[in-house]
Amino acid sequence: MKDLILSLSCNTVKIVPEPKEKSVMSQFPEEVVKKAFLRANCRCQCERDDHDHGTFTCFKQIIWENRGNKNERSGWEATYFVSPEKGGKLTVENCEVLCWSCYTKTVKSQ
């Protein structure tokens, strides 16, 4: 599969064919994941007040190539705002991009 390069305002993102780890996001179409990542502007979107960032948005910088990589500071993954079990759809609007730290805390609390 040929890689696709996207030019972003925050940096250049290399789109890779497969994430390093299977996750909830593997259920989303690749186009949805790309659009959600671009919407997040290469930053964690978490606004949960019970995470380490308090009542503010986490906003930690993330890198596309580090998707699913729990060992990298800029590692990230995404999850649903509303789970499919509760009627959530596979849309950009329902795709939340989180740094690895916020992602693991969110998944544990579900």
C-alpha atoms as a PDB file:
ATOM      1  CA  MET A   1       0.000   0.000   0.000  1.00  0.00           C
ATOM      2  CA  LYS A   2       1.355   3.409  -0.944  1.00  0.00           C
ATOM      3  CA  ASP A   3       1.701   5.937   1.910  1.00  0.00           C
ATOM      4  CA  LEU A   4      -0.110   9.251   1.627  1.00  0.00           C
ATOM      5  CA  ILE A   5       1.458  12.500   2.838  1.00  0.00           C
ATOM      6  CA  LEU A   6      -0.790  15.240   4.236  1.00  0.00           C
ATOM      7  CA  SER A   7       0.458  18.755   4.868  1.00  0.00           C
ATOM      8  CA  LEU A   8      -0.811  20.267   8.112  1.00  0.00           C
ATOM      9  CA  SER A   9      -0.364  23.567   9.833  1.00  0.00           C
ATOM     10  CA  CYS A  10       1.055  21.816  12.913  1.00  0.00           C
ATOM     11  CA  ASN A  11       3.475  19.554  10.970  1.00  0.00           C
ATOM     12  CA  THR A  12       3.631  17.052   8.119  1.00  0.00           C
ATOM     13  CA  VAL A  13       1.796  13.837   8.816  1.00  0.00           C
ATOM     14  CA  LYS A  14       2.687  10.545   7.182  1.00  0.00           C
ATOM     15  CA  ILE A  15      -0.395   8.353   6.909  1.00  0.00           C
ATOM     16  CA  VAL A  16       0.614   4.749   7.614  1.00  0.00           C
ATOM     17  CA  PRO A  17      -1.519   1.782   6.575  1.00  0.00           C
ATOM     18  CA  GLU A  18      -1.933   0.076   9.987  1.00  0.00           C
ATOM     19  CA  PRO A  19      -1.812   1.256  13.615  1.00  0.00           C
ATOM     20  CA  LYS A  20       0.742  -0.432  15.899  1.00  0.00           C
ATOM     21  CA  GLU A  21      -2.001  -1.891  18.106  1.00  0.00           C
ATOM     22  CA  LYS A  22      -5.611  -2.918  17.449  1.00  0.00           C
ATOM     23  CA  SER A  23      -8.056  -0.681  19.271  1.00  0.00           C
ATOM     24  CA  VAL A  24     -11.513   0.814  19.249  1.00  0.00           C
ATOM     25  CA  MET A  25     -10.397   3.150  16.459  1.00  0.00           C
ATOM     26  CA  SER A  26      -9.826   0.264  14.074  1.00  0.00           C
ATOM     27  CA  GLN A  27     -13.631   0.222  13.741  1.00  0.00           C
ATOM     28  CA  PHE A  28     -13.668   3.757  12.315  1.00  0.00           C
ATOM     29  CA  PRO A  29     -13.049   4.215   8.573  1.00  0.00           C
ATOM     30  CA  GLU A  30      -9.540   5.584   7.904  1.00  0.00           C
ATOM     31  CA  GLU A  31     -10.959   8.827   6.457  1.00  0.00           C
ATOM     32  CA  VAL A  32     -12.818   9.470   9.741  1.00  0.00           C
ATOM     33  CA  VAL A  33      -9.613   8.978  11.746  1.00  0.00           C
ATOM     34  CA  LYS A  34      -7.668  11.359   9.461  1.00  0.00           C
ATOM     35  CA  LYS A  35     -10.329  14.062   9.715  1.00  0.00           C
ATOM     36  CA  ALA A  36     -10.610  13.717  13.498  1.00  0.00           C
ATOM     37  CA  PHE A  37      -6.819  13.991  13.846  1.00  0.00           C
ATOM     38  CA  LEU A  38      -6.746  17.117  11.665  1.00  0.00           C
ATOM     39  CA  ARG A  39      -9.668  18.613  13.608  1.00  0.00           C
ATOM     40  CA  ALA A  40      -7.714  18.052  16.837  1.00  0.00           C
ATOM     41  CA  ASN A  41      -4.784  19.990  15.313  1.00  0.00           C
ATOM     42  CA  CYS A  42      -2.257  17.364  16.514  1.00  0.00           C
ATOM     43  CA  ARG A  43      -3.346  17.827  20.146  1.00  0.00           C
ATOM     44  CA  CYS A  44      -5.149  15.759  22.772  1.00  0.00           C
ATOM     45  CA  GLN A  45      -8.817  16.783  23.002  1.00  0.00           C
ATOM     46  CA  CYS A  46      -9.469  15.455  26.526  1.00  0.00           C
ATOM     47  CA  GLU A  47     -11.502  17.773  28.758  1.00  0.00           C
ATOM     48  CA  ARG A  48     -12.177  15.342  31.619  1.00  0.00           C
ATOM     49  CA  ASP A  49     -11.589  17.041  34.970  1.00  0.00           C
ATOM     50  CA  ASP A  50     -10.577  13.796  36.727  1.00  0.00           C
ATOM     51  CA  HIS A  51      -7.409  13.455  34.597  1.00  0.00           C
ATOM     52  CA  ASP A  52      -4.026  15.019  35.442  1.00  0.00           C
ATOM     53  CA  HIS A  53      -4.728  18.225  33.510  1.00  0.00           C
ATOM     54  CA  GLY A  54      -7.495  19.409  35.834  1.00  0.00           C
ATOM     55  CA  THR A  55     -10.443  21.317  34.383  1.00  0.00           C
ATOM     56  CA  PHE A  56      -8.569  22.404  31.250  1.00  0.00           C
ATOM     57  CA  THR A  57      -8.162  20.640  27.898  1.00  0.00           C
ATOM     58  CA  CYS A  58      -5.091  18.368  28.020  1.00  0.00           C
ATOM     59  CA  PHE A  59      -3.786  19.727  24.691  1.00  0.00           C
ATOM     60  CA  LYS A  60      -0.666  17.505  24.715  1.00  0.00           C
ATOM     61  CA  GLN A  61       0.963  17.381  21.275  1.00  0.00           C
ATOM     62  CA  ILE A  62       0.559  14.075  19.452  1.00  0.00           C
ATOM     63  CA  ILE A  63       2.149  12.712  16.266  1.00  0.00           C
ATOM     64  CA  TRP A  64       0.269  10.668  13.652  1.00  0.00           C
ATOM     65  CA  GLU A  65       3.022   8.049  13.358  1.00  0.00           C
ATOM     66  CA  ASN A  66       2.736   7.353  17.100  1.00  0.00           C
ATOM     67  CA  ARG A  67      -0.879   6.233  16.958  1.00  0.00           C
ATOM     68  CA  GLY A  68      -1.323   3.216  19.230  1.00  0.00           C
ATOM     69  CA  ASN A  69       2.212   3.597  20.608  1.00  0.00           C
ATOM     70  CA  LYS A  70       2.009   3.638  24.395  1.00  0.00           C
ATOM     71  CA  ASN A  71       5.787   3.989  24.759  1.00  0.00           C
ATOM     72  CA  GLU A  72       6.091   7.378  23.048  1.00  0.00           C
ATOM     73  CA  ARG A  73       5.308  10.683  24.773  1.00  0.00           C
ATOM     74  CA  SER A  74       3.436  11.762  21.644  1.00  0.00           C
ATOM     75  CA  GLY A  75       1.554   8.443  21.401  1.00  0.00           C
ATOM     76  CA  TRP A  76      -2.205   8.640  20.975  1.00  0.00           C
ATOM     77  CA  GLU A  77      -5.389   6.802  20.229  1.00  0.00           C
ATOM     78  CA  ALA A  78      -8.990   7.713  19.778  1.00  0.00           C
ATOM     79  CA  THR A  79     -12.285   6.597  21.158  1.00  0.00           C
ATOM     80  CA  TYR A  80     -15.956   7.376  20.881  1.00  0.00           C
ATOM     81  CA  PHE A  81     -17.600  10.382  22.494  1.00  0.00           C
ATOM     82  CA  VAL A  82     -20.743   8.193  22.521  1.00  0.00           C
ATOM     83  CA  SER A  83     -20.202   4.420  22.353  1.00  0.00           C
ATOM     84  CA  PRO A  84     -21.968   2.341  19.689  1.00  0.00           C
ATOM     85  CA  GLU A  85     -23.849   0.561  22.484  1.00  0.00           C
ATOM     86  CA  LYS A  86     -25.415   3.920  23.390  1.00  0.00           C
ATOM     87  CA  GLY A  87     -26.217   4.878  19.795  1.00  0.00           C
ATOM     88  CA  GLY A  88     -22.880   6.462  18.787  1.00  0.00           C
ATOM     89  CA  LYS A  89     -22.041   6.496  15.077  1.00  0.00           C
ATOM     90  CA  LEU A  90     -18.791   6.000  13.150  1.00  0.00           C
ATOM     91  CA  THR A  91     -18.509   9.720  12.347  1.00  0.00           C
ATOM     92  CA  VAL A  92     -15.866  12.418  12.710  1.00  0.00           C
ATOM     93  CA  GLU A  93     -18.117  14.182  15.222  1.00  0.00           C
ATOM     94  CA  ASN A  94     -18.120  11.070  17.421  1.00  0.00           C
ATOM     95  CA  CYS A  95     -14.354  10.420  17.190  1.00  0.00           C
ATOM     96  CA  GLU A  96     -12.309  11.807  20.116  1.00  0.00           C
ATOM     97  CA  VAL A  97      -8.511  12.012  19.710  1.00  0.00           C
ATOM     98  CA  LEU A  98      -6.622  11.493  22.991  1.00  0.00           C
ATOM     99  CA  CYS A  99      -2.991  11.298  24.091  1.00  0.00           C
ATOM    100  CA  TRP A 100      -2.079   7.836  25.345  1.00  0.00           C
ATOM    101  CA  SER A 101      -2.313   8.860  29.006  1.00  0.00           C
ATOM    102  CA  CYS A 102      -5.858  10.241  28.654  1.00  0.00           C
ATOM    103  CA  TYR A 103      -6.887   7.345  26.418  1.00  0.00           C
ATOM    104  CA  THR A 104      -5.895   4.677  28.955  1.00  0.00           C
ATOM    105  CA  LYS A 105      -7.632   6.534  31.805  1.00  0.00           C
ATOM    106  CA  THR A 106     -10.779   6.901  29.689  1.00  0.00           C
ATOM    107  CA  VAL A 107     -10.839   3.235  28.665  1.00  0.00           C
ATOM    108  CA  LYS A 108     -10.325   2.092  32.288  1.00  0.00           C
ATOM    109  CA  SER A 109     -13.236   4.210  33.493  1.00  0.00           C
ATOM    110  CA  GLN A 110     -15.706   2.766  30.951  1.00  0.00           C
END
